[in-house]
Amino acid sequence: MTETRLRTWTHSIGYALATLFIFILAMQNLRYGFYELFYLAAGMAALTLAGTAYTFICRRHQLSAPGHLVILTGLNSGLLAAMATLDSPGINHWAMPLLVLNLLILPLRQGVTLSLLLLVPASILLLIREPSADALTIIAGLFILLTAASLYIWHYDHMAQSAEDLAITDPVTGAHNARFLDETLQKEISRAIATGHMLSVINLSIDYASEVEDLHGKEGIHKLFRHMTEHLFGVIRAGDTLYTLNNSEFFLILPFTPEEGVRVIAERIRRTIAEREWPVVGKATVSLGCTTRENGDTRTDGLRKRAHQAMEEAHRRGADSIWFSPGETITT
């Protein structure tokens, strides 16, 4: 299940349960003749129901849906206004499910901020109206609930981010892996089409990698691969991205880079690797295949295939070499 779909289900269930809870409160207050509380609960139930509908409408954009903040601000403001104007001690406990809903629906920072904007004035009202012992007990309970829920949400966000990092990161080198390559490359292609800027890519491989593995084993090739990744991170520019495809190949995405630029970068990579002393093997070289996006390149597979073919051509021409493969320009 994707993060967007998970949030859609979570938001829908949260709003639905809140609507059910508030509706029951409304019916109880109507039954006992507390009409002001009935109208308040009915209004809040209408807002949570609107939140359910908004979640369904924006189900594909839950990670960036601003309407949730508006809906929850309305709920918090309505409850705070009711606490300030109505003389009903039981209304203080309505804040508890609202705090949980704030943290369940909103990003953590927004949820905590909105909850504090509710709790601080509510605490002042409690201290003014209620006996000190009762007020402090209620305030402590509300802040303990906010703290516990915030820590749980923070823990979930941290675990989700760690899982995402593991999914897109190569465990040997720490660079992005091939799984993340196509997604990023397609985004860069779309951005290049929209803005008109140049986009280039490089596919490079370590020369004689199979021989290195035969002589030094998997640990030896992994060590060389890891050190070469660190070196490439130091060579590429800010904004360029590096990916590892297997134990001997790398792929670089170079936004805002024309043909002349990618040739210069490829030559700098080739030269700095050839001049350096490497652990395990001493000297090492790479073969690099380069290409630049033309207007006919709208998908990742075309660029990746052309860069790979250019790398193979560099291999055929001998180790420690570079080959540039031009794309096809489509005239319109």
Protein backbone atom coordinates (compact mmCIF):
# COMPACT_ATOMS: atom_id res chain seq x y z
CA MET A 1 0.00 0.00 0.00
CA THR A 2 1.38 3.40 -0.99
CA GLU A 3 1.79 6.27 1.48
CA THR A 4 -0.95 8.25 -0.29
CA ARG A 5 -3.43 5.39 -0.11
CA LEU A 6 -2.55 4.69 3.53
CA ARG A 7 -3.16 8.32 4.44
CA THR A 8 -6.46 8.31 2.53
CA TRP A 9 -7.70 5.33 4.53
CA THR A 10 -6.40 6.77 7.82
CA HIS A 11 -7.97 10.17 7.22
CA SER A 12 -11.28 8.67 6.11
CA ILE A 13 -11.52 6.37 9.13
CA GLY A 14 -10.45 9.16 11.50
CA TYR A 15 -13.03 11.59 10.19
CA ALA A 16 -15.73 8.90 10.11
CA LEU A 17 -15.11 7.86 13.72
CA ALA A 18 -15.05 11.51 14.81
CA THR A 19 -18.35 12.11 12.99
CA LEU A 20 -19.93 9.10 14.70
CA PHE A 21 -18.63 10.14 18.13
CA ILE A 22 -19.79 13.76 17.79
CA PHE A 23 -23.17 12.67 16.38
CA ILE A 24 -23.74 10.49 19.46
CA LEU A 25 -22.83 13.47 21.65
CA ALA A 26 -25.29 15.63 19.75
CA MET A 27 -28.12 13.13 20.20
CA GLN A 28 -27.42 12.79 23.93
CA ASN A 29 -27.44 16.57 24.43
CA LEU A 30 -30.66 16.88 22.42
CA ARG A 31 -32.24 14.15 24.51
CA TYR A 32 -31.45 15.94 27.78
CA GLY A 33 -32.37 19.38 26.45
CA PHE A 34 -28.87 20.88 26.20
CA TYR A 35 -29.65 22.62 22.94
CA GLU A 36 -26.54 24.81 22.82
CA LEU A 37 -24.28 21.75 23.06
CA PHE A 38 -26.49 19.99 20.52
CA TYR A 39 -25.98 22.79 17.98
CA LEU A 40 -22.25 22.83 18.68
CA ALA A 41 -21.94 19.06 18.21
CA ALA A 42 -24.07 19.18 15.06
CA GLY A 43 -21.81 21.86 13.58
CA MET A 44 -18.67 19.91 14.44
CA ALA A 45 -20.17 16.73 12.99
CA ALA A 46 -20.90 18.63 9.77
CA LEU A 47 -17.22 19.69 9.60
CA THR A 48 -15.90 16.17 10.17
CA LEU A 49 -18.33 14.87 7.55
CA ALA A 50 -16.98 17.52 5.18
CA GLY A 51 -13.49 16.26 6.03
CA THR A 52 -14.51 12.74 4.99
CA ALA A 53 -15.84 14.06 1.68
CA TYR A 54 -12.71 16.19 1.14
CA THR A 55 -10.50 13.16 1.78
CA PHE A 56 -12.38 11.20 -0.89
CA ILE A 57 -12.22 14.08 -3.40
CA CYS A 58 -8.46 14.60 -2.85
CA ARG A 59 -7.61 10.91 -2.44
CA ARG A 60 -4.75 11.14 -4.96
CA HIS A 61 -3.18 14.18 -3.27
CA GLN A 62 -3.35 13.41 0.45
CA LEU A 63 0.30 14.30 1.02
CA SER A 64 -0.32 17.92 -0.03
CA ALA A 65 -4.04 18.56 0.64
CA PRO A 66 -4.33 21.98 2.40
CA GLY A 67 -8.06 21.67 3.11
CA HIS A 68 -7.46 19.45 6.15
CA LEU A 69 -5.82 22.35 7.99
CA VAL A 70 -8.83 24.58 7.23
CA ILE A 71 -11.33 21.97 8.43
CA LEU A 72 -9.45 21.18 11.64
CA THR A 73 -8.84 24.87 12.36
CA GLY A 74 -12.61 25.33 12.17
CA LEU A 75 -13.18 22.43 14.57
CA ASN A 76 -10.61 23.70 17.07
CA SER A 77 -11.83 27.29 16.86
CA GLY A 78 -15.46 26.24 17.36
CA LEU A 79 -14.63 24.15 20.41
CA LEU A 80 -12.48 26.91 21.91
CA ALA A 81 -15.23 29.49 21.37
CA ALA A 82 -17.75 27.15 22.99
CA MET A 83 -15.48 26.60 26.00
CA ALA A 84 -15.19 30.37 26.41
CA THR A 85 -18.91 31.14 26.09
CA LEU A 86 -20.80 28.10 27.40
CA ASP A 87 -21.02 27.17 31.07
CA SER A 88 -20.72 23.42 30.67
CA PRO A 89 -17.85 21.64 32.48
CA GLY A 90 -18.16 18.47 30.42
CA ILE A 91 -17.23 20.27 27.23
CA ASN A 92 -13.57 20.26 28.31
CA HIS A 93 -13.34 16.55 27.55
CA TRP A 94 -14.34 17.15 23.92
CA ALA A 95 -10.78 18.36 23.36
CA MET A 96 -9.35 14.85 23.80
CA PRO A 97 -10.60 13.24 20.56
CA LEU A 98 -9.92 16.51 18.74
CA LEU A 99 -6.25 16.42 19.77
CA VAL A 100 -5.91 12.90 18.39
CA LEU A 101 -7.67 13.92 15.17
CA ASN A 102 -5.30 16.89 14.72
CA LEU A 103 -2.26 14.63 14.91
CA LEU A 104 -3.82 11.85 12.86
CA ILE A 105 -4.77 14.07 9.91
CA LEU A 106 -2.16 16.84 9.79
CA PRO A 107 1.64 16.66 9.44
CA LEU A 108 3.23 16.39 12.88
CA ARG A 109 4.41 19.99 13.17
CA GLN A 110 1.07 21.43 12.05
CA GLY A 111 -0.85 19.03 14.28
CA VAL A 112 1.17 19.90 17.39
CA THR A 113 0.95 23.64 16.68
CA LEU A 114 -2.83 23.55 16.18
CA SER A 115 -3.28 21.41 19.30
CA LEU A 116 -1.23 23.83 21.42
CA LEU A 117 -3.27 26.75 20.08
CA LEU A 118 -6.30 24.92 21.46
CA LEU A 119 -4.79 23.70 24.74
CA VAL A 120 -3.09 26.88 25.97
CA PRO A 121 -6.23 29.09 25.96
CA ALA A 122 -8.33 26.15 27.16
CA SER A 123 -5.95 25.64 30.10
CA ILE A 124 -6.25 29.32 31.06
CA LEU A 125 -10.05 29.06 30.98
CA LEU A 126 -9.94 25.95 33.15
CA LEU A 127 -7.69 27.58 35.73
CA ILE A 128 -10.06 30.55 35.92
CA ARG A 129 -13.32 28.61 36.13
CA GLU A 130 -12.52 25.31 37.83
CA PRO A 131 -11.04 24.47 41.25
CA SER A 132 -7.27 24.32 41.00
CA ALA A 133 -7.01 20.57 41.65
CA ASP A 134 -9.66 19.68 39.06
CA ALA A 135 -8.24 22.12 36.51
CA LEU A 136 -4.68 20.80 36.90
CA THR A 137 -5.89 17.20 36.59
CA ILE A 138 -7.72 17.93 33.32
CA ILE A 139 -4.84 20.01 31.93
CA ALA A 140 -2.29 17.32 32.81
CA GLY A 141 -4.42 14.67 31.13
CA LEU A 142 -4.76 16.74 27.95
CA PHE A 143 -1.03 17.45 27.73
CA ILE A 144 -0.12 13.80 28.46
CA LEU A 145 -2.46 12.74 25.65
CA LEU A 146 -0.90 15.29 23.28
CA THR A 147 2.63 14.19 24.21
CA ALA A 148 1.91 10.46 23.85
CA ALA A 149 0.13 10.89 20.52
CA SER A 150 2.90 13.18 19.21
CA LEU A 151 5.61 10.69 20.15
CA TYR A 152 3.70 7.87 18.46
CA ILE A 153 3.24 9.89 15.25
CA TRP A 154 6.90 10.94 15.31
CA HIS A 155 7.97 7.31 15.74
CA TYR A 156 5.79 6.25 12.80
CA ASP A 157 7.17 9.04 10.57
CA HIS A 158 10.73 8.09 11.52
CA MET A 159 10.13 4.40 10.76
CA ALA A 160 8.42 5.24 7.46
CA GLN A 161 11.33 7.47 6.41
CA SER A 162 13.85 4.78 7.38
CA ALA A 163 11.94 2.19 5.34
CA GLU A 164 11.81 4.53 2.35
CA ASP A 165 15.55 5.23 2.60
CA LEU A 166 16.30 1.50 2.71
CA ALA A 167 14.09 0.90 -0.32
CA ILE A 168 15.91 3.43 -2.52
CA THR A 169 19.47 3.11 -1.16
CA ASP A 170 22.14 0.61 -2.09
CA PRO A 171 23.28 -1.10 1.14
CA VAL A 172 26.90 -1.43 -0.02
CA THR A 173 27.58 2.15 -1.12
CA GLY A 174 24.83 4.32 0.37
CA ALA A 175 24.03 5.78 -3.07
CA HIS A 176 20.58 5.61 -4.63
CA ASN A 177 19.81 2.29 -6.28
CA ALA A 178 18.33 1.35 -9.66
CA ARG A 179 14.82 1.19 -8.18
CA PHE A 180 14.89 4.94 -7.59
CA LEU A 181 16.65 5.76 -10.87
CA ASP A 182 13.71 5.51 -13.28
CA GLU A 183 11.46 7.58 -11.02
CA THR A 184 13.97 10.42 -10.71
CA LEU A 185 15.00 10.30 -14.36
CA GLN A 186 11.38 10.53 -15.53
CA LYS A 187 10.87 13.57 -13.28
CA GLU A 188 13.96 15.22 -14.75
CA ILE A 189 12.81 14.45 -18.30
CA SER A 190 9.40 15.97 -17.57
CA ARG A 191 11.05 19.04 -16.04
CA ALA A 192 13.38 19.38 -19.04
CA ILE A 193 10.41 19.21 -21.41
CA ALA A 194 8.51 21.83 -19.41
CA THR A 195 11.42 24.26 -18.97
CA GLY A 196 13.46 23.58 -22.10
CA HIS A 197 16.73 23.05 -20.22
CA MET A 198 19.28 20.44 -21.30
CA LEU A 199 19.58 17.09 -19.55
CA SER A 200 22.47 14.65 -19.83
CA VAL A 201 23.26 11.24 -18.34
CA ILE A 202 26.37 9.12 -17.88
CA ASN A 203 26.58 5.34 -17.56
CA LEU A 204 30.00 4.18 -16.35
CA SER A 205 31.44 0.86 -15.31
CA ILE A 206 34.63 -0.27 -13.63
CA ASP A 207 37.02 -1.83 -16.12
CA TYR A 208 37.99 -5.47 -15.47
CA ALA A 209 35.50 -5.72 -12.58
CA SER A 210 35.06 -9.47 -13.05
CA GLU A 211 38.82 -9.99 -12.86
CA VAL A 212 38.97 -7.93 -9.66
CA GLU A 213 36.24 -10.10 -8.15
CA ASP A 214 38.02 -13.29 -9.21
CA LEU A 215 41.28 -12.13 -7.62
CA HIS A 216 39.98 -10.44 -4.47
CA GLY A 217 36.50 -11.91 -3.96
CA LYS A 218 33.20 -10.15 -3.37
CA GLU A 219 34.57 -8.25 -0.40
CA GLY A 220 37.33 -6.81 -2.57
CA ILE A 221 35.01 -5.60 -5.35
CA HIS A 222 32.56 -4.24 -2.76
CA LYS A 223 35.35 -2.27 -1.10
CA LEU A 224 36.49 -0.82 -4.42
CA PHE A 225 32.89 -0.03 -5.39
CA ARG A 226 32.26 1.69 -2.07
CA HIS A 227 35.40 3.86 -2.30
CA MET A 228 34.67 4.75 -5.91
CA THR A 229 31.14 5.82 -4.93
CA GLU A 230 32.56 8.14 -2.27
CA HIS A 231 34.96 9.58 -4.86
CA LEU A 232 32.16 10.20 -7.37
CA PHE A 233 30.09 11.99 -4.73
CA GLY A 234 33.03 14.37 -4.33
CA VAL A 235 33.45 14.91 -8.07
CA ILE A 236 29.87 15.54 -9.22
CA ARG A 237 28.20 18.93 -8.87
CA ALA A 238 25.43 19.96 -6.51
CA GLY A 239 22.16 18.99 -8.18
CA ASP A 240 23.62 15.95 -9.97
CA THR A 241 22.51 12.54 -8.68
CA LEU A 242 24.42 9.27 -8.50
CA TYR A 243 23.00 5.73 -8.69
CA THR A 244 24.58 2.29 -8.40
CA LEU A 245 23.23 -0.37 -10.77
CA ASN A 246 25.26 -3.42 -9.67
CA ASN A 247 28.70 -4.19 -8.29
CA SER A 248 30.50 -2.42 -11.14
CA GLU A 249 28.18 0.15 -12.79
CA PHE A 250 27.11 3.68 -11.94
CA PHE A 251 24.58 6.03 -13.48
CA LEU A 252 24.61 9.83 -13.20
CA ILE A 253 21.78 12.26 -13.97
CA LEU A 254 23.07 15.72 -14.85
CA PRO A 255 20.32 18.39 -15.09
CA PHE A 256 21.03 21.66 -16.94
CA THR A 257 23.94 20.02 -18.76
CA PRO A 258 24.41 20.23 -22.55
CA GLU A 259 26.64 17.96 -24.64
CA GLU A 260 29.76 20.07 -24.03
CA GLY A 261 29.17 19.96 -20.28
CA VAL A 262 28.69 16.21 -20.04
CA ARG A 263 31.86 15.64 -22.06
CA VAL A 264 33.84 17.81 -19.62
CA ILE A 265 32.35 16.08 -16.56
CA ALA A 266 32.96 12.61 -18.02
CA GLU A 267 36.58 13.47 -18.76
CA ARG A 268 37.08 14.80 -15.22
CA ILE A 269 35.64 11.59 -13.76
CA ARG A 270 37.79 9.40 -16.03
CA ARG A 271 40.98 11.32 -15.28
CA THR A 272 40.55 11.57 -11.49
CA ILE A 273 39.78 7.84 -11.22
CA ALA A 274 42.74 6.82 -13.39
CA GLU A 275 45.19 9.03 -11.45
CA ARG A 276 44.16 7.81 -8.00
CA GLU A 277 45.46 4.89 -5.95
CA TRP A 278 42.61 2.58 -4.91
CA PRO A 279 42.42 0.05 -2.07
CA VAL A 280 42.74 -3.62 -3.01
CA VAL A 281 43.66 -3.02 -6.69
CA GLY A 282 45.97 0.00 -6.68
CA LYS A 283 45.17 1.46 -10.11
CA ALA A 284 41.68 1.32 -11.62
CA THR A 285 39.95 2.77 -14.66
CA VAL A 286 36.39 3.20 -15.88
CA SER A 287 34.61 3.31 -19.23
CA LEU A 288 31.95 5.97 -19.64
CA GLY A 289 28.99 6.28 -22.00
CA CYS A 290 27.32 9.69 -22.27
CA THR A 291 24.27 11.10 -24.00
CA THR A 292 22.14 14.24 -23.94
CA ARG A 293 18.34 14.35 -24.12
CA GLU A 294 16.85 15.47 -27.42
CA ASN A 295 13.24 16.50 -27.98
CA GLY A 296 12.31 12.97 -28.98
CA ASP A 297 13.37 11.56 -25.59
CA THR A 298 10.24 11.53 -23.43
CA ARG A 299 10.81 8.25 -21.54
CA THR A 300 13.57 6.89 -19.37
CA ASP A 301 14.22 3.71 -21.33
CA GLY A 302 15.48 5.59 -24.41
CA LEU A 303 18.07 7.61 -22.49
CA ARG A 304 19.19 4.67 -20.38
CA LYS A 305 19.54 2.38 -23.41
CA ARG A 306 21.53 4.96 -25.37
CA ALA A 307 23.87 5.67 -22.44
CA HIS A 308 24.40 1.93 -21.92
CA GLN A 309 25.17 1.40 -25.61
CA ALA A 310 27.65 4.29 -25.48
CA MET A 311 29.33 2.67 -22.47
CA GLU A 312 29.61 -0.64 -24.32
CA GLU A 313 31.14 1.19 -27.29
CA ALA A 314 33.69 2.77 -24.92
CA HIS A 315 34.51 -0.75 -23.65
CA ARG A 316 35.04 -1.98 -27.19
CA ARG A 317 37.46 0.86 -27.89
CA GLY A 318 39.56 -0.06 -24.86
CA ALA A 319 39.62 0.51 -21.11
CA ASP A 320 39.77 4.02 -19.66
CA SER A 321 37.74 5.63 -22.44
CA ILE A 322 34.65 7.77 -23.09
CA TRP A 323 32.05 7.59 -25.83
CA PHE A 324 29.27 10.08 -26.51
CA SER A 325 26.12 8.88 -28.29
CA PRO A 326 23.96 11.68 -29.73
CA GLY A 327 20.19 11.49 -29.60
CA GLU A 328 17.79 11.97 -32.46
CA THR A 329 16.21 15.40 -32.90
CA ILE A 330 12.62 15.32 -34.15
CA THR A 331 11.63 18.32 -36.22
CA THR A 332 8.07 19.58 -35.84
